[in-house]
Amino acid sequence: MVRTLTGAGANVKAAAQKVLDEGAVDAYLAYLNNGLYAARALDCASQPTATPTTQPTATPSATATAAPAPTTSASLGAPGGDGGGLAVTGADTATVAGIGGALLLLGGAGYLIGRRRRSRFVA
């Protein structure tokens, strides 16, 4: 219940206080299931909306620099327009599996060679 009051507006605080004054389990459940969301909607509706300005607010400086022109990052042969395909992240599984298989074969060959070349000492 207290977590719902973090950064809460006036309507949420009033609804929470009403539930705390009542103290019934059903009132808590009704607040958490429906009342909290209705109070948040009222708080959001009562907030003023920002109006966009038509004139820039920054004043030009004496040394103005030109901004670079935006470019697209389309790859040649990549389907799907400007963005290309999905990003490739993580290890390449086929490469890791190939290296693991090669190491396994080298280990097996080393074992067989070592077994055949073992000399026996006879005194």
PDB file of N, CA and C in Angstrom:
ATOM      1  N   MET A   1       0.825  -1.177   0.000  1.00  0.00           N
ATOM      2  CA  MET A   1       0.000   0.000   0.000  1.00  0.00           C
ATOM      3  C   MET A   1       0.873   1.246   0.000  1.00  0.00           C
ATOM      4  N   VAL A   2       1.936   1.224   0.794  1.00  0.00           N
ATOM      5  CA  VAL A   2       2.810   2.390   0.890  1.00  0.00           C
ATOM      6  C   VAL A   2       3.550   2.610  -0.421  1.00  0.00           C
ATOM      7  N   ARG A   3       3.869   1.542  -1.141  1.00  0.00           N
ATOM      8  CA  ARG A   3       4.584   1.661  -2.413  1.00  0.00           C
ATOM      9  C   ARG A   3       3.762   2.412  -3.459  1.00  0.00           C
ATOM     10  N   THR A   4       2.477   2.384  -3.352  1.00  0.00           N
ATOM     11  CA  THR A   4       1.645   3.093  -4.326  1.00  0.00           C
ATOM     12  C   THR A   4       1.662   4.594  -4.083  1.00  0.00           C
ATOM     13  N   LEU A   5       2.164   5.034  -2.930  1.00  0.00           N
ATOM     14  CA  LEU A   5       2.176   6.463  -2.607  1.00  0.00           C
ATOM     15  C   LEU A   5       3.449   7.152  -3.077  1.00  0.00           C
ATOM     16  N   THR A   6       4.440   6.414  -3.548  1.00  0.00           N
ATOM     17  CA  THR A   6       5.687   7.017  -4.015  1.00  0.00           C
ATOM     18  C   THR A   6       5.403   7.845  -5.260  1.00  0.00           C
ATOM     19  N   GLY A   7       5.622   9.129  -5.160  1.00  0.00           N
ATOM     20  CA  GLY A   7       5.375  10.035  -6.284  1.00  0.00           C
ATOM     21  C   GLY A   7       3.901  10.151  -6.648  1.00  0.00           C
ATOM     22  N   ALA A   8       3.027   9.918  -5.683  1.00  0.00           N
ATOM     23  CA  ALA A   8       1.591   9.908  -5.964  1.00  0.00           C
ATOM     24  C   ALA A   8       1.034  11.328  -6.014  1.00  0.00           C
ATOM     25  N   GLY A   9      -0.052  11.466  -6.762  1.00  0.00           N
ATOM     26  CA  GLY A   9      -0.753  12.743  -6.853  1.00  0.00           C
ATOM     27  C   GLY A   9      -1.794  12.865  -5.751  1.00  0.00           C
ATOM     28  N   ALA A  10      -2.536  13.943  -5.794  1.00  0.00           N
ATOM     29  CA  ALA A  10      -3.528  14.234  -4.752  1.00  0.00           C
ATOM     30  C   ALA A  10      -4.646  13.200  -4.729  1.00  0.00           C
ATOM     31  N   ASN A  11      -5.117  12.753  -5.890  1.00  0.00           N
ATOM     32  CA  ASN A  11      -6.221  11.784  -5.930  1.00  0.00           C
ATOM     33  C   ASN A  11      -5.794  10.423  -5.384  1.00  0.00           C
ATOM     34  N   VAL A  12      -4.563   9.993  -5.687  1.00  0.00           N
ATOM     35  CA  VAL A  12      -4.073   8.708  -5.179  1.00  0.00           C
ATOM     36  C   VAL A  12      -3.913   8.775  -3.669  1.00  0.00           C
ATOM     37  N   LYS A  13      -3.372   9.892  -3.181  1.00  0.00           N
ATOM     38  CA  LYS A  13      -3.206  10.033  -1.729  1.00  0.00           C
ATOM     39  C   LYS A  13      -4.553  10.030  -1.011  1.00  0.00           C
ATOM     40  N   ALA A  14      -5.530  10.687  -1.596  1.00  0.00           N
ATOM     41  CA  ALA A  14      -6.860  10.721  -0.974  1.00  0.00           C
ATOM     42  C   ALA A  14      -7.493   9.333  -0.966  1.00  0.00           C
ATOM     43  N   ALA A  15      -7.370   8.587  -2.064  1.00  0.00           N
ATOM     44  CA  ALA A  15      -7.938   7.240  -2.128  1.00  0.00           C
ATOM     45  C   ALA A  15      -7.238   6.318  -1.145  1.00  0.00           C
ATOM     46  N   ALA A  16      -5.926   6.442  -1.016  1.00  0.00           N
ATOM     47  CA  ALA A  16      -5.181   5.601  -0.075  1.00  0.00           C
ATOM     48  C   ALA A  16      -5.565   5.935   1.361  1.00  0.00           C
ATOM     49  N   GLN A  17      -5.707   7.201   1.657  1.00  0.00           N
ATOM     50  CA  GLN A  17      -6.086   7.578   3.018  1.00  0.00           C
ATOM     51  C   GLN A  17      -7.475   7.067   3.373  1.00  0.00           C
ATOM     52  N   LYS A  18      -8.383   7.088   2.409  1.00  0.00           N
ATOM     53  CA  LYS A  18      -9.733   6.578   2.638  1.00  0.00           C
ATOM     54  C   LYS A  18      -9.691   5.082   2.972  1.00  0.00           C
ATOM     55  N   VAL A  19      -8.846   4.334   2.253  1.00  0.00           N
ATOM     56  CA  VAL A  19      -8.731   2.892   2.509  1.00  0.00           C
ATOM     57  C   VAL A  19      -8.078   2.642   3.859  1.00  0.00           C
ATOM     58  N   LEU A  20      -7.052   3.418   4.193  1.00  0.00           N
ATOM     59  CA  LEU A  20      -6.385   3.241   5.479  1.00  0.00           C
ATOM     60  C   LEU A  20      -7.320   3.564   6.641  1.00  0.00           C
ATOM     61  N   ASP A  21      -8.188   4.546   6.471  1.00  0.00           N
ATOM     62  CA  ASP A  21      -9.143   4.887   7.522  1.00  0.00           C
ATOM     63  C   ASP A  21     -10.168   3.782   7.711  1.00  0.00           C
ATOM     64  N   GLU A  22     -10.576   3.155   6.588  1.00  0.00           N
ATOM     65  CA  GLU A  22     -11.583   2.089   6.663  1.00  0.00           C
ATOM     66  C   GLU A  22     -10.985   0.823   7.256  1.00  0.00           C
ATOM     67  N   GLY A  23      -9.813   0.417   6.767  1.00  0.00           N
ATOM     68  CA  GLY A  23      -9.087  -0.702   7.357  1.00  0.00           C
ATOM     69  C   GLY A  23      -9.598  -2.085   7.035  1.00  0.00           C
ATOM     70  N   ALA A  24     -10.554  -2.272   6.160  1.00  0.00           N
ATOM     71  CA  ALA A  24     -11.081  -3.597   5.837  1.00  0.00           C
ATOM     72  C   ALA A  24     -10.255  -4.211   4.701  1.00  0.00           C
ATOM     73  N   VAL A  25     -10.156  -5.530   4.711  1.00  0.00           N
ATOM     74  CA  VAL A  25      -9.402  -6.241   3.689  1.00  0.00           C
ATOM     75  C   VAL A  25     -10.035  -6.034   2.321  1.00  0.00           C
ATOM     76  N   ASP A  26     -11.350  -6.046   2.266  1.00  0.00           N
ATOM     77  CA  ASP A  26     -12.037  -5.823   0.991  1.00  0.00           C
ATOM     78  C   ASP A  26     -11.730  -4.432   0.425  1.00  0.00           C
ATOM     79  N   ALA A  27     -11.591  -3.447   1.293  1.00  0.00           N
ATOM     80  CA  ALA A  27     -11.273  -2.093   0.840  1.00  0.00           C
ATOM     81  C   ALA A  27      -9.853  -2.048   0.268  1.00  0.00           C
ATOM     82  N   TYR A  28      -8.910  -2.762   0.909  1.00  0.00           N
ATOM     83  CA  TYR A  28      -7.545  -2.827   0.388  1.00  0.00           C
ATOM     84  C   TYR A  28      -7.521  -3.461  -0.998  1.00  0.00           C
ATOM     85  N   LEU A  29      -8.234  -4.575  -1.140  1.00  0.00           N
ATOM     86  CA  LEU A  29      -8.256  -5.267  -2.428  1.00  0.00           C
ATOM     87  C   LEU A  29      -8.909  -4.411  -3.512  1.00  0.00           C
ATOM     88  N   ALA A  30      -9.984  -3.732  -3.175  1.00  0.00           N
ATOM     89  CA  ALA A  30     -10.655  -2.875  -4.151  1.00  0.00           C
ATOM     90  C   ALA A  30      -9.741  -1.724  -4.562  1.00  0.00           C
ATOM     91  N   TYR A  31      -8.990  -1.182  -3.599  1.00  0.00           N
ATOM     92  CA  TYR A  31      -8.062  -0.092  -3.910  1.00  0.00           C
ATOM     93  C   TYR A  31      -6.954  -0.581  -4.835  1.00  0.00           C
ATOM     94  N   LEU A  32      -6.352  -1.735  -4.506  1.00  0.00           N
ATOM     95  CA  LEU A  32      -5.233  -2.232  -5.306  1.00  0.00           C
ATOM     96  C   LEU A  32      -5.674  -2.720  -6.684  1.00  0.00           C
ATOM     97  N   ASN A  33      -6.891  -3.242  -6.798  1.00  0.00           N
ATOM     98  CA  ASN A  33      -7.357  -3.757  -8.082  1.00  0.00           C
ATOM     99  C   ASN A  33      -7.921  -2.680  -8.997  1.00  0.00           C
ATOM    100  N   ASN A  34      -8.639  -1.719  -8.442  1.00  0.00           N
ATOM    101  CA  ASN A  34      -9.315  -0.728  -9.283  1.00  0.00           C
ATOM    102  C   ASN A  34      -9.071   0.713  -8.854  1.00  0.00           C
ATOM    103  N   GLY A  35      -9.177   0.985  -7.582  1.00  0.00           N
ATOM    104  CA  GLY A  35      -9.143   2.357  -7.075  1.00  0.00           C
ATOM    105  C   GLY A  35      -7.847   3.087  -7.373  1.00  0.00           C
ATOM    106  N   LEU A  36      -6.729   2.381  -7.280  1.00  0.00           N
ATOM    107  CA  LEU A  36      -5.435   2.999  -7.540  1.00  0.00           C
ATOM    108  C   LEU A  36      -5.346   3.481  -8.983  1.00  0.00           C
ATOM    109  N   TYR A  37      -5.782   2.660  -9.912  1.00  0.00           N
ATOM    110  CA  TYR A  37      -5.689   3.010 -11.333  1.00  0.00           C
ATOM    111  C   TYR A  37      -6.641   4.149 -11.698  1.00  0.00           C
ATOM    112  N   ALA A  38      -7.815   4.150 -11.093  1.00  0.00           N
ATOM    113  CA  ALA A  38      -8.755   5.244 -11.351  1.00  0.00           C
ATOM    114  C   ALA A  38      -8.219   6.560 -10.788  1.00  0.00           C
ATOM    115  N   ALA A  39      -7.609   6.511  -9.604  1.00  0.00           N
ATOM    116  CA  ALA A  39      -7.053   7.728  -9.004  1.00  0.00           C
ATOM    117  C   ALA A  39      -5.858   8.229  -9.814  1.00  0.00           C
ATOM    118  N   ARG A  40      -5.029   7.311 -10.317  1.00  0.00           N
ATOM    119  CA  ARG A  40      -3.895   7.730 -11.153  1.00  0.00           C
ATOM    120  C   ARG A  40      -4.376   8.372 -12.450  1.00  0.00           C
ATOM    121  N   ALA A  41      -5.438   7.825 -13.011  1.00  0.00           N
ATOM    122  CA  ALA A  41      -5.980   8.411 -14.240  1.00  0.00           C
ATOM    123  C   ALA A  41      -6.482   9.829 -13.979  1.00  0.00           C
ATOM    124  N   LEU A  42      -7.127  10.041 -12.831  1.00  0.00           N
ATOM    125  CA  LEU A  42      -7.595  11.386 -12.482  1.00  0.00           C
ATOM    126  C   LEU A  42      -6.418  12.337 -12.269  1.00  0.00           C
ATOM    127  N   ASP A  43      -5.346  11.837 -11.633  1.00  0.00           N
ATOM    128  CA  ASP A  43      -4.163  12.672 -11.436  1.00  0.00           C
ATOM    129  C   ASP A  43      -3.517  13.046 -12.765  1.00  0.00           C
ATOM    130  N   CYS A  44      -3.443  12.090 -13.671  1.00  0.00           N
ATOM    131  CA  CYS A  44      -2.844  12.370 -14.977  1.00  0.00           C
ATOM    132  C   CYS A  44      -3.691  13.347 -15.779  1.00  0.00           C
ATOM    133  N   ALA A  45      -5.014  13.215 -15.672  1.00  0.00           N
ATOM    134  CA  ALA A  45      -5.907  14.096 -16.421  1.00  0.00           C
ATOM    135  C   ALA A  45      -5.859  15.526 -15.884  1.00  0.00           C
ATOM    136  N   SER A  46      -5.552  15.687 -14.597  1.00  0.00           N
ATOM    137  CA  SER A  46      -5.541  17.028 -14.015  1.00  0.00           C
ATOM    138  C   SER A  46      -4.218  17.760 -14.237  1.00  0.00           C
ATOM    139  N   GLN A  47      -3.205  17.063 -14.757  1.00  0.00           N
ATOM    140  CA  GLN A  47      -1.908  17.699 -15.005  1.00  0.00           C
ATOM    141  C   GLN A  47      -1.976  18.526 -16.282  1.00  0.00           C
ATOM    142  N   PRO A  48      -1.325  19.689 -16.290  1.00  0.00           N
ATOM    143  CA  PRO A  48      -1.323  20.501 -17.511  1.00  0.00           C
ATOM    144  C   PRO A  48      -0.451  19.835 -18.577  1.00  0.00           C
ATOM    145  N   THR A  49      -0.880  19.976 -19.818  1.00  0.00           N
ATOM    146  CA  THR A  49      -0.105  19.405 -20.919  1.00  0.00           C
ATOM    147  C   THR A  49       0.848  20.453 -21.448  1.00  0.00           C
ATOM    148  N   ALA A  50       1.971  20.007 -21.905  1.00  0.00           N
ATOM    149  CA  ALA A  50       2.970  20.928 -22.458  1.00  0.00           C
ATOM    150  C   ALA A  50       2.552  21.339 -23.860  1.00  0.00           C
ATOM    151  N   THR A  51       2.670  22.618 -24.143  1.00  0.00           N
ATOM    152  CA  THR A  51       2.334  23.105 -25.479  1.00  0.00           C
ATOM    153  C   THR A  51       3.631  23.360 -26.232  1.00  0.00           C
ATOM    154  N   PRO A  52       3.745  22.861 -27.457  1.00  0.00           N
ATOM    155  CA  PRO A  52       4.981  23.073 -28.208  1.00  0.00           C
ATOM    156  C   PRO A  52       5.105  24.522 -28.651  1.00  0.00           C
ATOM    157  N   THR A  53       6.320  25.026 -28.640  1.00  0.00           N
ATOM    158  CA  THR A  53       6.560  26.398 -29.086  1.00  0.00           C
ATOM    159  C   THR A  53       6.914  26.377 -30.569  1.00  0.00           C
ATOM    160  N   THR A  54       6.557  27.452 -31.244  1.00  0.00           N
ATOM    161  CA  THR A  54       6.843  27.525 -32.669  1.00  0.00           C
ATOM    162  C   THR A  54       8.192  28.161 -32.942  1.00  0.00           C
ATOM    163  N   GLN A  55       8.722  28.909 -31.993  1.00  0.00           N
ATOM    164  CA  GLN A  55      10.010  29.573 -32.158  1.00  0.00           C
ATOM    165  C   GLN A  55      11.050  28.853 -31.310  1.00  0.00           C
ATOM    166  N   PRO A  56      12.263  28.717 -31.829  1.00  0.00           N
ATOM    167  CA  PRO A  56      13.318  28.109 -31.006  1.00  0.00           C
ATOM    168  C   PRO A  56      13.664  29.025 -29.844  1.00  0.00           C
ATOM    169  N   THR A  57      13.967  28.452 -28.704  1.00  0.00           N
ATOM    170  CA  THR A  57      14.246  29.246 -27.518  1.00  0.00           C
ATOM    171  C   THR A  57      15.720  29.537 -27.350  1.00  0.00           C
ATOM    172  N   ALA A  58      16.595  28.839 -28.046  1.00  0.00           N
ATOM    173  CA  ALA A  58      18.026  29.065 -27.903  1.00  0.00           C
ATOM    174  C   ALA A  58      18.443  30.278 -28.712  1.00  0.00           C
ATOM    175  N   THR A  59      19.386  31.023 -28.186  1.00  0.00           N
ATOM    176  CA  THR A  59      19.902  32.170 -28.918  1.00  0.00           C
ATOM    177  C   THR A  59      21.112  31.731 -29.726  1.00  0.00           C
ATOM    178  N   PRO A  60      21.262  32.222 -30.946  1.00  0.00           N
ATOM    179  CA  PRO A  60      22.397  31.805 -31.770  1.00  0.00           C
ATOM    180  C   PRO A  60      23.694  32.351 -31.192  1.00  0.00           C
ATOM    181  N   SER A  61      24.743  31.557 -31.265  1.00  0.00           N
ATOM    182  CA  SER A  61      26.038  31.991 -30.759  1.00  0.00           C
ATOM    183  C   SER A  61      26.851  32.603 -31.888  1.00  0.00           C
ATOM    184  N   ALA A  62      27.966  33.245 -31.530  1.00  0.00           N
ATOM    185  CA  ALA A  62      28.789  33.919 -32.526  1.00  0.00           C
ATOM    186  C   ALA A  62      29.505  32.904 -33.410  1.00  0.00           C
ATOM    187  N   THR A  63      29.869  31.755 -32.864  1.00  0.00           N
ATOM    188  CA  THR A  63      30.566  30.743 -33.649  1.00  0.00           C
ATOM    189  C   THR A  63      29.642  29.551 -33.825  1.00  0.00           C
ATOM    190  N   ALA A  64      28.840  29.584 -34.831  1.00  0.00           N
ATOM    191  CA  ALA A  64      27.911  28.492 -35.095  1.00  0.00           C
ATOM    192  C   ALA A  64      28.608  27.433 -35.932  1.00  0.00           C
ATOM    193  N   THR A  65      28.403  26.173 -35.566  1.00  0.00           N
ATOM    194  CA  THR A  65      28.979  25.073 -36.332  1.00  0.00           C
ATOM    195  C   THR A  65      27.863  24.329 -37.034  1.00  0.00           C
ATOM    196  N   ALA A  66      28.170  23.808 -38.188  1.00  0.00           N
ATOM    197  CA  ALA A  66      27.171  23.083 -38.965  1.00  0.00           C
ATOM    198  C   ALA A  66      27.071  21.654 -38.441  1.00  0.00           C
ATOM    199  N   ALA A  67      25.865  21.175 -38.269  1.00  0.00           N
ATOM    200  CA  ALA A  67      25.651  19.803 -37.811  1.00  0.00           C
ATOM    201  C   ALA A  67      25.795  18.853 -38.992  1.00  0.00           C
ATOM    202  N   PRO A  68      26.353  17.668 -38.763  1.00  0.00           N
ATOM    203  CA  PRO A  68      26.487  16.718 -39.863  1.00  0.00           C
ATOM    204  C   PRO A  68      25.123  16.211 -40.312  1.00  0.00           C
ATOM    205  N   ALA A  69      25.023  15.936 -41.588  1.00  0.00           N
ATOM    206  CA  ALA A  69      23.764  15.448 -42.143  1.00  0.00           C
ATOM    207  C   ALA A  69      23.547  13.999 -41.723  1.00  0.00           C
ATOM    208  N   PRO A  70      22.321  13.615 -41.362  1.00  0.00           N
ATOM    209  CA  PRO A  70      22.068  12.224 -40.970  1.00  0.00           C
ATOM    210  C   PRO A  70      22.213  11.295 -42.168  1.00  0.00           C
ATOM    211  N   THR A  71      22.734  10.118 -41.896  1.00  0.00           N
ATOM    212  CA  THR A  71      22.909   9.115 -42.941  1.00  0.00           C
ATOM    213  C   THR A  71      22.198   7.843 -42.528  1.00  0.00           C
ATOM    214  N   THR A  72      21.843   7.039 -43.492  1.00  0.00           N
ATOM    215  CA  THR A  72      21.221   5.761 -43.203  1.00  0.00           C
ATOM    216  C   THR A  72      22.292   4.693 -43.131  1.00  0.00           C
ATOM    217  N   SER A  73      22.008   3.630 -42.396  1.00  0.00           N
ATOM    218  CA  SER A  73      22.980   2.563 -42.221  1.00  0.00           C
ATOM    219  C   SER A  73      22.512   1.295 -42.915  1.00  0.00           C
ATOM    220  N   ALA A  74      22.036   1.422 -44.112  1.00  0.00           N
ATOM    221  CA  ALA A  74      21.538   0.260 -44.843  1.00  0.00           C
ATOM    222  C   ALA A  74      22.710  -0.542 -45.389  1.00  0.00           C
ATOM    223  N   SER A  75      22.658  -1.842 -45.230  1.00  0.00           N
ATOM    224  CA  SER A  75      23.686  -2.724 -45.763  1.00  0.00           C
ATOM    225  C   SER A  75      23.283  -3.147 -47.165  1.00  0.00           C
ATOM    226  N   LEU A  76      24.282  -3.389 -48.005  1.00  0.00           N
ATOM    227  CA  LEU A  76      23.986  -3.863 -49.340  1.00  0.00           C
ATOM    228  C   LEU A  76      23.462  -5.283 -49.253  1.00  0.00           C
ATOM    229  N   GLY A  77      22.379  -5.546 -49.878  1.00  0.00           N
ATOM    230  CA  GLY A  77      21.808  -6.889 -49.894  1.00  0.00           C
ATOM    231  C   GLY A  77      21.011  -7.234 -48.654  1.00  0.00           C
ATOM    232  N   ALA A  78      20.857  -6.322 -47.715  1.00  0.00           N
ATOM    233  CA  ALA A  78      20.089  -6.605 -46.512  1.00  0.00           C
ATOM    234  C   ALA A  78      18.625  -6.317 -46.782  1.00  0.00           C
ATOM    235  N   PRO A  79      17.746  -7.273 -46.504  1.00  0.00           N
ATOM    236  CA  PRO A  79      16.326  -7.025 -46.750  1.00  0.00           C
ATOM    237  C   PRO A  79      15.739  -6.118 -45.685  1.00  0.00           C
ATOM    238  N   GLY A  80      14.686  -5.414 -46.029  1.00  0.00           N
ATOM    239  CA  GLY A  80      13.924  -4.702 -45.025  1.00  0.00           C
ATOM    240  C   GLY A  80      14.136  -3.214 -44.961  1.00  0.00           C
ATOM    241  N   GLY A  81      14.541  -2.558 -45.997  1.00  0.00           N
ATOM    242  CA  GLY A  81      14.574  -1.110 -45.998  1.00  0.00           C
ATOM    243  C   GLY A  81      15.829  -0.525 -45.397  1.00  0.00           C
ATOM    244  N   ASP A  82      15.671   0.610 -44.696  1.00  0.00           N
ATOM    245  CA  ASP A  82      16.817   1.374 -44.221  1.00  0.00           C
ATOM    246  C   ASP A  82      17.572   0.681 -43.093  1.00  0.00           C
ATOM    247  N   GLY A  83      16.875   0.038 -42.197  1.00  0.00           N
ATOM    248  CA  GLY A  83      17.511  -0.488 -41.002  1.00  0.00           C
ATOM    249  C   GLY A  83      18.298  -1.757 -41.196  1.00  0.00           C
ATOM    250  N   GLY A  84      18.115  -2.472 -42.289  1.00  0.00           N
ATOM    251  CA  GLY A  84      18.823  -3.735 -42.468  1.00  0.00           C
ATOM    252  C   GLY A  84      18.183  -4.830 -41.649  1.00  0.00           C
ATOM    253  N   GLY A  85      18.957  -5.812 -41.301  1.00  0.00           N
ATOM    254  CA  GLY A  85      18.459  -6.953 -40.542  1.00  0.00           C
ATOM    255  C   GLY A  85      18.637  -6.749 -39.045  1.00  0.00           C
ATOM    256  N   LEU A  86      18.478  -7.823 -38.315  1.00  0.00           N
ATOM    257  CA  LEU A  86      18.647  -7.780 -36.874  1.00  0.00           C
ATOM    258  C   LEU A  86      20.126  -7.731 -36.534  1.00  0.00           C
ATOM    259  N   ALA A  87      20.444  -7.188 -35.388  1.00  0.00           N
ATOM    260  CA  ALA A  87      21.825  -7.127 -34.932  1.00  0.00           C
ATOM    261  C   ALA A  87      22.300  -8.521 -34.551  1.00  0.00           C
ATOM    262  N   VAL A  88      23.551  -8.831 -34.879  1.00  0.00           N
ATOM    263  CA  VAL A  88      24.139 -10.127 -34.548  1.00  0.00           C
ATOM    264  C   VAL A  88      24.929  -9.952 -33.270  1.00  0.00           C
ATOM    265  N   THR A  89      24.532 -10.658 -32.220  1.00  0.00           N
ATOM    266  CA  THR A  89      25.224 -10.575 -30.944  1.00  0.00           C
ATOM    267  C   THR A  89      25.571 -11.971 -30.481  1.00  0.00           C
ATOM    268  N   GLY A  90      26.510 -12.077 -29.582  1.00  0.00           N
ATOM    269  CA  GLY A  90      26.889 -13.364 -29.016  1.00  0.00           C
ATOM    270  C   GLY A  90      27.891 -14.094 -29.887  1.00  0.00           C
ATOM    271  N   ALA A  91      28.270 -15.268 -29.437  1.00  0.00           N
ATOM    272  CA  ALA A  91      29.264 -16.072 -30.142  1.00  0.00           C
ATOM    273  C   ALA A  91      28.620 -16.804 -31.310  1.00  0.00           C
ATOM    274  N   ASP A  92      29.419 -17.057 -32.348  1.00  0.00           N
ATOM    275  CA  ASP A  92      28.960 -17.826 -33.492  1.00  0.00           C
ATOM    276  C   ASP A  92      29.008 -19.305 -33.105  1.00  0.00           C
ATOM    277  N   THR A  93      27.885 -19.959 -33.012  1.00  0.00           N
ATOM    278  CA  THR A  93      27.798 -21.323 -32.505  1.00  0.00           C
ATOM    279  C   THR A  93      28.536 -22.314 -33.389  1.00  0.00           C
ATOM    280  N   ALA A  94      28.457 -22.149 -34.692  1.00  0.00           N
ATOM    281  CA  ALA A  94      29.113 -23.088 -35.596  1.00  0.00           C
ATOM    282  C   ALA A  94      30.632 -23.033 -35.426  1.00  0.00           C
ATOM    283  N   THR A  95      31.185 -21.854 -35.234  1.00  0.00           N
ATOM    284  CA  THR A  95      32.625 -21.721 -35.041  1.00  0.00           C
ATOM    285  C   THR A  95      33.059 -22.387 -33.737  1.00  0.00           C
ATOM    286  N   VAL A  96      32.326 -22.151 -32.675  1.00  0.00           N
ATOM    287  CA  VAL A  96      32.669 -22.738 -31.378  1.00  0.00           C
ATOM    288  C   VAL A  96      32.564 -24.259 -31.444  1.00  0.00           C
ATOM    289  N   ALA A  97      31.527 -24.775 -32.091  1.00  0.00           N
ATOM    290  CA  ALA A  97      31.363 -26.223 -32.216  1.00  0.00           C
ATOM    291  C   ALA A  97      32.477 -26.827 -33.080  1.00  0.00           C
ATOM    292  N   GLY A  98      32.891 -26.144 -34.150  1.00  0.00           N
ATOM    293  CA  GLY A  98      33.970 -26.624 -35.013  1.00  0.00           C
ATOM    294  C   GLY A  98      35.298 -26.686 -34.278  1.00  0.00           C
ATOM    295  N   ILE A  99      35.598 -25.648 -33.499  1.00  0.00           N
ATOM    296  CA  ILE A  99      36.839 -25.632 -32.728  1.00  0.00           C
ATOM    297  C   ILE A  99      36.822 -26.732 -31.668  1.00  0.00           C
ATOM    298  N   GLY A 100      35.682 -26.930 -31.025  1.00  0.00           N
ATOM    299  CA  GLY A 100      35.562 -27.986 -30.021  1.00  0.00           C
ATOM    300  C   GLY A 100      35.745 -29.366 -30.633  1.00  0.00           C
ATOM    301  N   GLY A 101      35.158 -29.594 -31.809  1.00  0.00           N
ATOM    302  CA  GLY A 101      35.323 -30.884 -32.495  1.00  0.00           C
ATOM    303  C   GLY A 101      36.763 -31.124 -32.903  1.00  0.00           C
ATOM    304  N   ALA A 102      37.446 -30.080 -33.393  1.00  0.00           N
ATOM    305  CA  ALA A 102      38.846 -30.215 -33.787  1.00  0.00           C
ATOM    306  C   ALA A 102      39.722 -30.547 -32.583  1.00  0.00           C
ATOM    307  N   LEU A 103      39.475 -29.890 -31.462  1.00  0.00           N
ATOM    308  CA  LEU A 103      40.238 -30.191 -30.256  1.00  0.00           C
ATOM    309  C   LEU A 103      39.983 -31.604 -29.761  1.00  0.00           C
ATOM    310  N   LEU A 104      38.751 -32.066 -29.890  1.00  0.00           N
ATOM    311  CA  LEU A 104      38.421 -33.432 -29.492  1.00  0.00           C
ATOM    312  C   LEU A 104      39.164 -34.442 -30.367  1.00  0.00           C
ATOM    313  N   LEU A 105      39.201 -34.204 -31.680  1.00  0.00           N
ATOM    314  CA  LEU A 105      39.932 -35.095 -32.587  1.00  0.00           C
ATOM    315  C   LEU A 105      41.428 -35.071 -32.305  1.00  0.00           C
ATOM    316  N   LEU A 106      41.995 -33.900 -32.060  1.00  0.00           N
ATOM    317  CA  LEU A 106      43.415 -33.807 -31.736  1.00  0.00           C
ATOM    318  C   LEU A 106      43.738 -34.534 -30.431  1.00  0.00           C
ATOM    319  N   GLY A 107      42.875 -34.417 -29.457  1.00  0.00           N
ATOM    320  CA  GLY A 107      43.087 -35.130 -28.196  1.00  0.00           C
ATOM    321  C   GLY A 107      43.031 -36.637 -28.373  1.00  0.00           C
ATOM    322  N   GLY A 108      42.070 -37.121 -29.173  1.00  0.00           N
ATOM    323  CA  GLY A 108      41.970 -38.563 -29.440  1.00  0.00           C
ATOM    324  C   GLY A 108      43.178 -39.072 -30.204  1.00  0.00           C
ATOM    325  N   ALA A 109      43.639 -38.291 -31.178  1.00  0.00           N
ATOM    326  CA  ALA A 109      44.827 -38.700 -31.940  1.00  0.00           C
ATOM    327  C   ALA A 109      46.052 -38.707 -31.037  1.00  0.00           C
ATOM    328  N   GLY A 110      46.197 -37.739 -30.171  1.00  0.00           N
ATOM    329  CA  GLY A 110      47.325 -37.710 -29.234  1.00  0.00           C
ATOM    330  C   GLY A 110      47.303 -38.885 -28.287  1.00  0.00           C
ATOM    331  N   TYR A 111      46.134 -39.292 -27.860  1.00  0.00           N
ATOM    332  CA  TYR A 111      46.012 -40.455 -26.979  1.00  0.00           C
ATOM    333  C   TYR A 111      46.456 -41.717 -27.700  1.00  0.00           C
ATOM    334  N   LEU A 112      45.980 -41.905 -28.953  1.00  0.00           N
ATOM    335  CA  LEU A 112      46.354 -43.105 -29.701  1.00  0.00           C
ATOM    336  C   LEU A 112      47.842 -43.138 -30.014  1.00  0.00           C
ATOM    337  N   ILE A 113      48.425 -42.024 -30.386  1.00  0.00           N
ATOM    338  CA  ILE A 113      49.859 -41.966 -30.678  1.00  0.00           C
ATOM    339  C   ILE A 113      50.665 -42.239 -29.411  1.00  0.00           C
ATOM    340  N   GLY A 114      50.261 -41.675 -28.323  1.00  0.00           N
ATOM    341  CA  GLY A 114      50.956 -41.908 -27.056  1.00  0.00           C
ATOM    342  C   GLY A 114      50.849 -43.337 -26.596  1.00  0.00           C
ATOM    343  N   ARG A 115      49.785 -43.990 -26.885  1.00  0.00           N
ATOM    344  CA  ARG A 115      49.588 -45.386 -26.486  1.00  0.00           C
ATOM    345  C   ARG A 115      50.457 -46.320 -27.311  1.00  0.00           C
ATOM    346  N   ARG A 116      50.621 -46.022 -28.609  1.00  0.00           N
ATOM    347  CA  ARG A 116      51.425 -46.881 -29.474  1.00  0.00           C
ATOM    348  C   ARG A 116      52.915 -46.691 -29.235  1.00  0.00           C
ATOM    349  N   ARG A 117      53.367 -45.541 -28.881  1.00  0.00           N
ATOM    350  CA  ARG A 117      54.773 -45.251 -28.721  1.00  0.00           C
ATOM    351  C   ARG A 117      55.279 -45.550 -27.313  1.00  0.00           C
ATOM    352  N   ARG A 118      54.466 -46.088 -26.481  1.00  0.00           N
ATOM    353  CA  ARG A 118      54.877 -46.356 -25.123  1.00  0.00           C
ATOM    354  C   ARG A 118      55.929 -47.456 -25.123  1.00  0.00           C
ATOM    355  N   SER A 119      57.034 -47.197 -24.531  1.00  0.00           N
ATOM    356  CA  SER A 119      58.089 -48.209 -24.476  1.00  0.00           C
ATOM    357  C   SER A 119      58.000 -48.987 -23.168  1.00  0.00           C
ATOM    358  N   ARG A 120      58.366 -50.206 -23.247  1.00  0.00           N
ATOM    359  CA  ARG A 120      58.333 -51.054 -22.054  1.00  0.00           C
ATOM    360  C   ARG A 120      59.771 -51.338 -21.620  1.00  0.00           C
ATOM    361  N   PHE A 121      59.997 -51.083 -20.375  1.00  0.00           N
ATOM    362  CA  PHE A 121      61.335 -51.298 -19.829  1.00  0.00           C
ATOM    363  C   PHE A 121      61.433 -52.709 -19.297  1.00  0.00           C
ATOM    364  N   VAL A 122      62.381 -53.456 -19.798  1.00  0.00           N
ATOM    365  CA  VAL A 122      62.601 -54.810 -19.316  1.00  0.00           C
ATOM    366  C   VAL A 122      64.013 -54.847 -18.727  1.00  0.00           C
ATOM    367  N   ALA A 123      64.167 -55.273 -17.462  1.00  0.00           N
ATOM    368  CA  ALA A 123      65.473 -55.291 -16.827  1.00  0.00           C
ATOM    369  C   ALA A 123      66.094 -56.652 -16.811  1.00  0.00           C
TER     370      ALA A 123
END
